[in-house]
Amino acid sequence: MSTQLKHPFFISSWLTPAVRVGNAVISIEYGDPTPDGRVRYKYTIDFIGLSHHQGDDLKSGVGGGTLKQGMESLLSFLSACGESSRPGQEGENADLFPKHIAEWCYENQDEIDSVRLEIEETEDCCVEAH
């Protein structure tokens, strides 16, 4: 399978589709499918010059999903976490990611939303060919 990428996507140092948000590179790839037929995604958030966070807790809806859809979902969850992580006003989504990621989401929420919207509006930014 090959994947054609256009801005805002690029190939990360993990050799997976990625986007840049603030001081971070967010990459995504397929993980092991779930027993109920959903796609599991593995993702990495690399903070330039610092640490990284990896997860495999993101899943598609029933019937599968694409890498583009996975990234859109991941960015939506990051945005929701940021919105719920206002200092002194933690909401229900503040614990979607570890505290240091939640703080980053809050600080970069506008850029997270901007990249997510750009992906949604650019149909051919991540095209997979089988």
C-alpha atoms as a PDB file:
ATOM      1  CA  MET A   1       0.000   0.000   0.000  1.00  0.00           C
ATOM      2  CA  SER A   2       1.241   3.496  -0.796  1.00  0.00           C
ATOM      3  CA  THR A   3       0.126   6.823   0.620  1.00  0.00           C
ATOM      4  CA  GLN A   4       0.317  10.168  -1.166  1.00  0.00           C
ATOM      5  CA  LEU A   5       0.645  13.156   1.149  1.00  0.00           C
ATOM      6  CA  LYS A   6       0.111  16.863   0.564  1.00  0.00           C
ATOM      7  CA  HIS A   7       0.284  19.811   2.932  1.00  0.00           C
ATOM      8  CA  PRO A   8      -0.393  19.845   5.865  1.00  0.00           C
ATOM      9  CA  PHE A   9       0.785  16.212   5.926  1.00  0.00           C
ATOM     10  CA  PHE A  10       4.410  15.124   5.536  1.00  0.00           C
ATOM     11  CA  ILE A  11       6.500  12.055   6.435  1.00  0.00           C
ATOM     12  CA  SER A  12       7.722  12.109  10.044  1.00  0.00           C
ATOM     13  CA  SER A  13      10.993  10.779  11.420  1.00  0.00           C
ATOM     14  CA  TRP A  14       8.941   7.677  12.319  1.00  0.00           C
ATOM     15  CA  LEU A  15       8.301   7.309   8.561  1.00  0.00           C
ATOM     16  CA  THR A  16       4.567   7.795   9.069  1.00  0.00           C
ATOM     17  CA  PRO A  17       2.114  10.509   7.954  1.00  0.00           C
ATOM     18  CA  ALA A  18       2.389  13.536  10.245  1.00  0.00           C
ATOM     19  CA  VAL A  19       1.376  17.153  10.764  1.00  0.00           C
ATOM     20  CA  ARG A  20       3.109  19.971  12.627  1.00  0.00           C
ATOM     21  CA  VAL A  21       1.249  21.812  15.380  1.00  0.00           C
ATOM     22  CA  GLY A  22       3.202  24.434  17.306  1.00  0.00           C
ATOM     23  CA  ASN A  23       6.385  22.859  18.642  1.00  0.00           C
ATOM     24  CA  ALA A  24       5.144  19.317  18.028  1.00  0.00           C
ATOM     25  CA  VAL A  25       4.986  16.799  15.214  1.00  0.00           C
ATOM     26  CA  ILE A  26       1.974  14.494  15.416  1.00  0.00           C
ATOM     27  CA  SER A  27       2.280  11.252  13.465  1.00  0.00           C
ATOM     28  CA  ILE A  28      -0.197   8.431  12.931  1.00  0.00           C
ATOM     29  CA  GLU A  29      -0.215   4.877  11.611  1.00  0.00           C
ATOM     30  CA  TYR A  30      -2.410   1.803  11.695  1.00  0.00           C
ATOM     31  CA  GLY A  31      -2.299  -0.468  14.721  1.00  0.00           C
ATOM     32  CA  ASP A  32      -3.823  -3.893  15.233  1.00  0.00           C
ATOM     33  CA  PRO A  33      -7.527  -4.065  14.351  1.00  0.00           C
ATOM     34  CA  THR A  34     -10.025  -4.502  17.158  1.00  0.00           C
ATOM     35  CA  PRO A  35     -12.136  -7.674  17.486  1.00  0.00           C
ATOM     36  CA  ASP A  36     -15.254  -5.701  16.507  1.00  0.00           C
ATOM     37  CA  GLY A  37     -13.841  -4.625  13.120  1.00  0.00           C
ATOM     38  CA  ARG A  38     -12.640  -1.149  14.047  1.00  0.00           C
ATOM     39  CA  VAL A  39      -9.293   0.282  12.992  1.00  0.00           C
ATOM     40  CA  ARG A  40      -6.891   0.985  15.822  1.00  0.00           C
ATOM     41  CA  TYR A  41      -4.472   3.859  15.302  1.00  0.00           C
ATOM     42  CA  LYS A  42      -1.045   4.316  16.854  1.00  0.00           C
ATOM     43  CA  TYR A  43       0.103   7.892  17.225  1.00  0.00           C
ATOM     44  CA  THR A  44       3.132   9.794  18.444  1.00  0.00           C
ATOM     45  CA  ILE A  45       3.345  13.400  19.564  1.00  0.00           C
ATOM     46  CA  ASP A  46       6.981  14.528  19.323  1.00  0.00           C
ATOM     47  CA  PHE A  47       7.822  17.744  21.100  1.00  0.00           C
ATOM     48  CA  ILE A  48      10.744  19.224  19.189  1.00  0.00           C
ATOM     49  CA  GLY A  49      13.862  19.061  21.330  1.00  0.00           C
ATOM     50  CA  LEU A  50      11.964  17.504  24.231  1.00  0.00           C
ATOM     51  CA  SER A  51      10.096  14.262  24.812  1.00  0.00           C
ATOM     52  CA  HIS A  52       7.397  12.363  23.009  1.00  0.00           C
ATOM     53  CA  HIS A  53       4.093  10.738  23.896  1.00  0.00           C
ATOM     54  CA  GLN A  54       2.819   7.589  22.213  1.00  0.00           C
ATOM     55  CA  GLY A  55      -0.618   6.036  22.298  1.00  0.00           C
ATOM     56  CA  ASP A  56      -2.699   3.340  20.656  1.00  0.00           C
ATOM     57  CA  ASP A  57      -6.043   4.110  22.272  1.00  0.00           C
ATOM     58  CA  LEU A  58      -7.618   5.801  19.234  1.00  0.00           C
ATOM     59  CA  LYS A  59     -10.118   3.728  17.237  1.00  0.00           C
ATOM     60  CA  SER A  60     -12.248   4.309  14.159  1.00  0.00           C
ATOM     61  CA  GLY A  61     -15.969   3.875  13.966  1.00  0.00           C
ATOM     62  CA  VAL A  62     -17.375   0.462  13.056  1.00  0.00           C
ATOM     63  CA  GLY A  63     -16.365  -0.535   9.540  1.00  0.00           C
ATOM     64  CA  GLY A  64     -12.907   0.996   9.575  1.00  0.00           C
ATOM     65  CA  GLY A  65     -11.292   4.302   8.793  1.00  0.00           C
ATOM     66  CA  THR A  66      -8.446   5.955   6.925  1.00  0.00           C
ATOM     67  CA  LEU A  67      -5.271   7.597   8.210  1.00  0.00           C
ATOM     68  CA  LYS A  68      -6.763  10.985   7.301  1.00  0.00           C
ATOM     69  CA  GLN A  69      -9.868  10.234   9.368  1.00  0.00           C
ATOM     70  CA  GLY A  70      -7.695   8.989  12.212  1.00  0.00           C
ATOM     71  CA  MET A  71      -5.692  12.215  12.256  1.00  0.00           C
ATOM     72  CA  GLU A  72      -8.891  14.283  12.152  1.00  0.00           C
ATOM     73  CA  SER A  73     -10.196  12.332  15.160  1.00  0.00           C
ATOM     74  CA  LEU A  74      -6.923  12.624  17.059  1.00  0.00           C
ATOM     75  CA  LEU A  75      -6.806  16.390  16.511  1.00  0.00           C
ATOM     76  CA  SER A  76     -10.457  16.650  17.617  1.00  0.00           C
ATOM     77  CA  PHE A  77      -9.639  14.845  20.870  1.00  0.00           C
ATOM     78  CA  LEU A  78      -6.560  17.029  21.404  1.00  0.00           C
ATOM     79  CA  SER A  79      -8.702  20.129  20.879  1.00  0.00           C
ATOM     80  CA  ALA A  80     -11.392  18.879  23.278  1.00  0.00           C
ATOM     81  CA  CYS A  81      -8.702  18.185  25.862  1.00  0.00           C
ATOM     82  CA  GLY A  82      -7.302  21.697  25.413  1.00  0.00           C
ATOM     83  CA  GLU A  83     -10.735  23.261  25.750  1.00  0.00           C
ATOM     84  CA  SER A  84     -11.314  21.348  28.998  1.00  0.00           C
ATOM     85  CA  SER A  85      -7.885  22.193  30.419  1.00  0.00           C
ATOM     86  CA  ARG A  86      -8.350  25.871  31.152  1.00  0.00           C
ATOM     87  CA  PRO A  87      -6.481  26.721  34.360  1.00  0.00           C
ATOM     88  CA  GLY A  88      -8.889  26.513  37.286  1.00  0.00           C
ATOM     89  CA  GLN A  89     -11.752  25.230  35.106  1.00  0.00           C
ATOM     90  CA  GLU A  90     -11.013  21.610  34.250  1.00  0.00           C
ATOM     91  CA  GLY A  91     -13.785  20.049  32.180  1.00  0.00           C
ATOM     92  CA  GLU A  92     -14.780  16.485  31.396  1.00  0.00           C
ATOM     93  CA  ASN A  93     -12.155  16.002  28.635  1.00  0.00           C
ATOM     94  CA  ALA A  94      -9.158  17.324  30.599  1.00  0.00           C
ATOM     95  CA  ASP A  95      -8.008  13.783  31.369  1.00  0.00           C
ATOM     96  CA  LEU A  96      -8.022  12.457  27.787  1.00  0.00           C
ATOM     97  CA  PHE A  97      -4.225  12.816  27.751  1.00  0.00           C
ATOM     98  CA  PRO A  98      -1.546  13.111  30.451  1.00  0.00           C
ATOM     99  CA  LYS A  99      -1.406  16.483  32.233  1.00  0.00           C
ATOM    100  CA  HIS A 100       1.627  17.829  30.307  1.00  0.00           C
ATOM    101  CA  ILE A 101      -0.107  16.984  27.000  1.00  0.00           C
ATOM    102  CA  ALA A 102      -3.342  18.615  28.237  1.00  0.00           C
ATOM    103  CA  GLU A 103      -1.412  21.810  29.051  1.00  0.00           C
ATOM    104  CA  TRP A 104       0.145  21.763  25.575  1.00  0.00           C
ATOM    105  CA  CYS A 105      -3.324  21.248  24.057  1.00  0.00           C
ATOM    106  CA  TYR A 106      -4.636  24.284  25.928  1.00  0.00           C
ATOM    107  CA  GLU A 107      -1.699  26.442  24.790  1.00  0.00           C
ATOM    108  CA  ASN A 108      -2.006  25.285  21.158  1.00  0.00           C
ATOM    109  CA  GLN A 109      -5.765  24.833  20.779  1.00  0.00           C
ATOM    110  CA  ASP A 110      -6.162  27.417  18.000  1.00  0.00           C
ATOM    111  CA  GLU A 111      -3.407  25.828  15.954  1.00  0.00           C
ATOM    112  CA  ILE A 112      -4.771  22.311  16.583  1.00  0.00           C
ATOM    113  CA  ASP A 113      -8.164  23.455  15.286  1.00  0.00           C
ATOM    114  CA  SER A 114      -6.592  25.216  12.314  1.00  0.00           C
ATOM    115  CA  VAL A 115      -4.670  22.118  11.198  1.00  0.00           C
ATOM    116  CA  ARG A 116      -7.744  19.901  11.732  1.00  0.00           C
ATOM    117  CA  LEU A 117      -9.883  22.203   9.572  1.00  0.00           C
ATOM    118  CA  GLU A 118      -7.207  22.316   6.881  1.00  0.00           C
ATOM    119  CA  ILE A 119      -7.160  18.510   6.766  1.00  0.00           C
ATOM    120  CA  GLU A 120     -10.963  18.322   6.610  1.00  0.00           C
ATOM    121  CA  GLU A 121     -11.086  20.854   3.760  1.00  0.00           C
ATOM    122  CA  THR A 122      -8.254  19.276   1.724  1.00  0.00           C
ATOM    123  CA  GLU A 123      -9.694  16.032   0.373  1.00  0.00           C
ATOM    124  CA  ASP A 124      -6.490  14.765  -1.219  1.00  0.00           C
ATOM    125  CA  CYS A 125      -3.998  15.633   1.552  1.00  0.00           C
ATOM    126  CA  CYS A 126      -3.657  11.956   2.554  1.00  0.00           C
ATOM    127  CA  VAL A 127      -4.668   9.450  -0.124  1.00  0.00           C
ATOM    128  CA  GLU A 128      -4.078   5.747   0.382  1.00  0.00           C
ATOM    129  CA  ALA A 129      -3.775   3.438  -2.620  1.00  0.00           C
ATOM    130  CA  HIS A 130      -4.106  -0.302  -2.138  1.00  0.00           C
END
